[in-house]
Amino acid sequence: MKCLYCQGNMVRETAPFHFDRQGAHVSLDSVPAWVCTQCGEPLFEEAEVNAIQELMDAVDKQAERFERRSPSN
């Protein structure tokens, strides 16, 4: 497999993934991914993308609970 950005070789490793949602910062240290040996760009497969999206949805739902309980509301 070739990298979409630099055409380097991709190898199966893990890569970090970070996201911010509604005041929360989530850091995943080692998500399975294809990683370019030349530029380091990760490419996540569908299963990992789906898992990350489910995690984002769960964070959004929990953040909504915090917002409803906020004393400023």
N, C-alpha and C. Protein backbone atom coordinates (compact mmCIF):
# COMPACT_ATOMS: atom_id res chain seq x y z
N MET A 1 0.86 -1.17 0.00
CA MET A 1 0.00 0.00 0.00
C MET A 1 0.90 1.24 0.00
N LYS A 2 0.50 2.25 -0.76
CA LYS A 2 1.26 3.50 -0.86
C LYS A 2 0.53 4.63 -0.14
N CYS A 3 1.30 5.53 0.43
CA CYS A 3 0.77 6.70 1.13
C CYS A 3 0.06 7.62 0.13
N LEU A 4 -1.09 8.13 0.53
CA LEU A 4 -1.85 9.04 -0.32
C LEU A 4 -1.16 10.39 -0.49
N TYR A 5 -0.26 10.75 0.45
CA TYR A 5 0.37 12.07 0.43
C TYR A 5 1.73 12.07 -0.26
N CYS A 6 2.57 11.07 0.06
CA CYS A 6 3.93 11.10 -0.46
C CYS A 6 4.32 9.87 -1.27
N GLN A 7 3.41 8.93 -1.37
CA GLN A 7 3.62 7.67 -2.09
C GLN A 7 4.64 6.74 -1.40
N GLY A 8 4.96 7.01 -0.13
CA GLY A 8 5.83 6.12 0.64
C GLY A 8 5.12 4.82 0.96
N ASN A 9 5.85 3.86 1.47
CA ASN A 9 5.29 2.56 1.84
C ASN A 9 4.55 2.66 3.17
N MET A 10 3.41 1.99 3.25
CA MET A 10 2.61 1.96 4.47
C MET A 10 2.84 0.62 5.17
N VAL A 11 2.99 0.68 6.50
CA VAL A 11 3.15 -0.53 7.30
C VAL A 11 2.10 -0.52 8.40
N ARG A 12 1.73 -1.70 8.86
CA ARG A 12 0.71 -1.82 9.91
C ARG A 12 1.38 -1.57 11.25
N GLU A 13 0.95 -0.54 11.94
CA GLU A 13 1.46 -0.15 13.26
C GLU A 13 0.30 0.42 14.07
N THR A 14 0.63 1.29 14.99
CA THR A 14 -0.38 2.06 15.71
C THR A 14 -0.02 3.53 15.60
N ALA A 15 -1.03 4.37 15.78
CA ALA A 15 -0.82 5.81 15.71
C ALA A 15 -1.69 6.48 16.76
N PRO A 16 -1.25 7.62 17.27
CA PRO A 16 -2.10 8.36 18.22
C PRO A 16 -3.23 9.06 17.48
N PHE A 17 -4.31 9.31 18.20
CA PHE A 17 -5.43 10.07 17.66
C PHE A 17 -5.97 10.93 18.78
N HIS A 18 -6.15 12.21 18.53
CA HIS A 18 -6.63 13.16 19.54
C HIS A 18 -7.82 13.92 18.97
N PHE A 19 -8.78 14.21 19.85
CA PHE A 19 -9.88 15.07 19.41
C PHE A 19 -10.43 15.86 20.59
N ASP A 20 -11.00 17.01 20.26
CA ASP A 20 -11.64 17.89 21.23
C ASP A 20 -13.12 17.95 20.89
N ARG A 21 -13.95 17.74 21.90
CA ARG A 21 -15.40 17.80 21.71
C ARG A 21 -16.03 18.48 22.91
N GLN A 22 -16.71 19.58 22.69
CA GLN A 22 -17.49 20.26 23.71
C GLN A 22 -16.76 20.39 25.04
N GLY A 23 -15.55 20.90 25.00
CA GLY A 23 -14.78 21.14 26.21
C GLY A 23 -14.00 19.94 26.72
N ALA A 24 -14.07 18.81 26.05
CA ALA A 24 -13.33 17.62 26.47
C ALA A 24 -12.20 17.36 25.47
N HIS A 25 -11.06 16.93 25.98
CA HIS A 25 -9.95 16.52 25.11
C HIS A 25 -9.76 15.03 25.33
N VAL A 26 -9.82 14.26 24.25
CA VAL A 26 -9.65 12.81 24.31
C VAL A 26 -8.39 12.45 23.55
N SER A 27 -7.55 11.65 24.18
CA SER A 27 -6.28 11.24 23.58
C SER A 27 -6.21 9.72 23.55
N LEU A 28 -6.10 9.18 22.36
CA LEU A 28 -5.92 7.74 22.18
C LEU A 28 -4.46 7.54 21.77
N ASP A 29 -3.71 6.81 22.55
CA ASP A 29 -2.27 6.70 22.31
C ASP A 29 -1.88 5.74 21.20
N SER A 30 -2.64 4.67 21.01
CA SER A 30 -2.21 3.67 20.03
C SER A 30 -3.40 3.01 19.34
N VAL A 31 -3.85 3.64 18.28
CA VAL A 31 -4.95 3.12 17.47
C VAL A 31 -4.32 2.35 16.30
N PRO A 32 -4.79 1.13 16.04
CA PRO A 32 -4.25 0.39 14.89
C PRO A 32 -4.43 1.20 13.60
N ALA A 33 -3.38 1.26 12.80
CA ALA A 33 -3.42 2.07 11.58
C ALA A 33 -2.34 1.61 10.61
N TRP A 34 -2.48 2.04 9.37
CA TRP A 34 -1.40 1.94 8.41
C TRP A 34 -0.63 3.25 8.53
N VAL A 35 0.70 3.16 8.70
CA VAL A 35 1.52 4.35 8.92
C VAL A 35 2.59 4.41 7.84
N CYS A 36 2.73 5.58 7.24
CA CYS A 36 3.72 5.77 6.17
C CYS A 36 5.13 5.75 6.77
N THR A 37 6.00 4.95 6.17
CA THR A 37 7.39 4.87 6.64
C THR A 37 8.20 6.10 6.24
N GLN A 38 7.66 6.89 5.31
CA GLN A 38 8.38 8.07 4.83
C GLN A 38 7.96 9.35 5.56
N CYS A 39 6.64 9.62 5.59
CA CYS A 39 6.17 10.88 6.18
C CYS A 39 5.45 10.70 7.51
N GLY A 40 5.12 9.46 7.89
CA GLY A 40 4.48 9.20 9.18
C GLY A 40 2.97 9.38 9.18
N GLU A 41 2.38 9.70 8.05
CA GLU A 41 0.93 9.91 7.98
C GLU A 41 0.19 8.61 8.27
N PRO A 42 -0.77 8.62 9.23
CA PRO A 42 -1.54 7.40 9.50
C PRO A 42 -2.78 7.32 8.61
N LEU A 43 -3.18 6.10 8.34
CA LEU A 43 -4.42 5.83 7.62
C LEU A 43 -5.17 4.79 8.43
N PHE A 44 -6.36 5.18 8.92
CA PHE A 44 -7.16 4.29 9.75
C PHE A 44 -8.15 3.53 8.89
N GLU A 45 -8.33 2.25 9.18
CA GLU A 45 -9.29 1.44 8.46
C GLU A 45 -10.70 1.70 9.00
N GLU A 46 -11.69 1.20 8.29
CA GLU A 46 -13.09 1.46 8.60
C GLU A 46 -13.47 1.08 10.04
N ALA A 47 -13.00 -0.05 10.52
CA ALA A 47 -13.35 -0.49 11.89
C ALA A 47 -12.87 0.51 12.93
N GLU A 48 -11.65 1.01 12.75
CA GLU A 48 -11.11 1.98 13.71
C GLU A 48 -11.84 3.32 13.59
N VAL A 49 -12.14 3.74 12.37
CA VAL A 49 -12.89 4.99 12.19
C VAL A 49 -14.26 4.89 12.85
N ASN A 50 -14.93 3.77 12.67
CA ASN A 50 -16.24 3.57 13.31
C ASN A 50 -16.14 3.61 14.82
N ALA A 51 -15.11 2.98 15.38
CA ALA A 51 -14.93 2.98 16.83
C ALA A 51 -14.66 4.39 17.35
N ILE A 52 -13.85 5.16 16.62
CA ILE A 52 -13.57 6.54 17.02
C ILE A 52 -14.85 7.37 16.95
N GLN A 53 -15.65 7.19 15.91
CA GLN A 53 -16.92 7.93 15.79
C GLN A 53 -17.87 7.58 16.93
N GLU A 54 -17.92 6.32 17.32
CA GLU A 54 -18.76 5.92 18.46
C GLU A 54 -18.28 6.58 19.74
N LEU A 55 -16.98 6.65 19.91
CA LEU A 55 -16.41 7.31 21.09
C LEU A 55 -16.76 8.80 21.09
N MET A 56 -16.67 9.45 19.94
CA MET A 56 -17.03 10.86 19.83
C MET A 56 -18.50 11.08 20.19
N ASP A 57 -19.37 10.20 19.71
CA ASP A 57 -20.79 10.30 20.04
C ASP A 57 -21.02 10.16 21.54
N ALA A 58 -20.32 9.23 22.17
CA ALA A 58 -20.46 9.03 23.61
C ALA A 58 -19.98 10.26 24.38
N VAL A 59 -18.88 10.86 23.94
CA VAL A 59 -18.38 12.08 24.59
C VAL A 59 -19.40 13.20 24.44
N ASP A 60 -19.99 13.33 23.24
CA ASP A 60 -21.01 14.36 23.02
C ASP A 60 -22.20 14.18 23.97
N LYS A 61 -22.66 12.94 24.13
CA LYS A 61 -23.80 12.67 25.01
C LYS A 61 -23.47 13.01 26.46
N GLN A 62 -22.29 12.65 26.90
CA GLN A 62 -21.89 12.96 28.26
C GLN A 62 -21.73 14.47 28.45
N ALA A 63 -21.19 15.15 27.47
CA ALA A 63 -21.02 16.61 27.56
C ALA A 63 -22.38 17.30 27.68
N GLU A 64 -23.36 16.78 26.96
CA GLU A 64 -24.72 17.34 27.07
C GLU A 64 -25.25 17.20 28.49
N ARG A 65 -24.96 16.09 29.15
CA ARG A 65 -25.40 15.89 30.54
C ARG A 65 -24.76 16.92 31.45
N PHE A 66 -23.47 17.23 31.22
CA PHE A 66 -22.79 18.24 32.03
C PHE A 66 -23.40 19.61 31.80
N GLU A 67 -23.71 19.93 30.53
CA GLU A 67 -24.29 21.22 30.21
C GLU A 67 -25.65 21.40 30.88
N ARG A 68 -26.46 20.35 30.92
CA ARG A 68 -27.78 20.44 31.57
C ARG A 68 -27.64 20.65 33.07
N ARG A 69 -26.58 20.15 33.67
CA ARG A 69 -26.38 20.28 35.11
C ARG A 69 -25.63 21.53 35.51
N SER A 70 -25.13 22.27 34.54
CA SER A 70 -24.33 23.46 34.81
C SER A 70 -25.13 24.49 35.58
N PRO A 71 -24.57 25.05 36.66
CA PRO A 71 -25.31 26.05 37.46
C PRO A 71 -25.57 27.34 36.70
N SER A 72 -24.85 27.60 35.61
CA SER A 72 -25.07 28.84 34.86
C SER A 72 -26.25 28.74 33.92
N ASN A 73 -26.84 27.54 33.75
CA ASN A 73 -27.99 27.37 32.84
C ASN A 73 -29.28 27.65 33.55
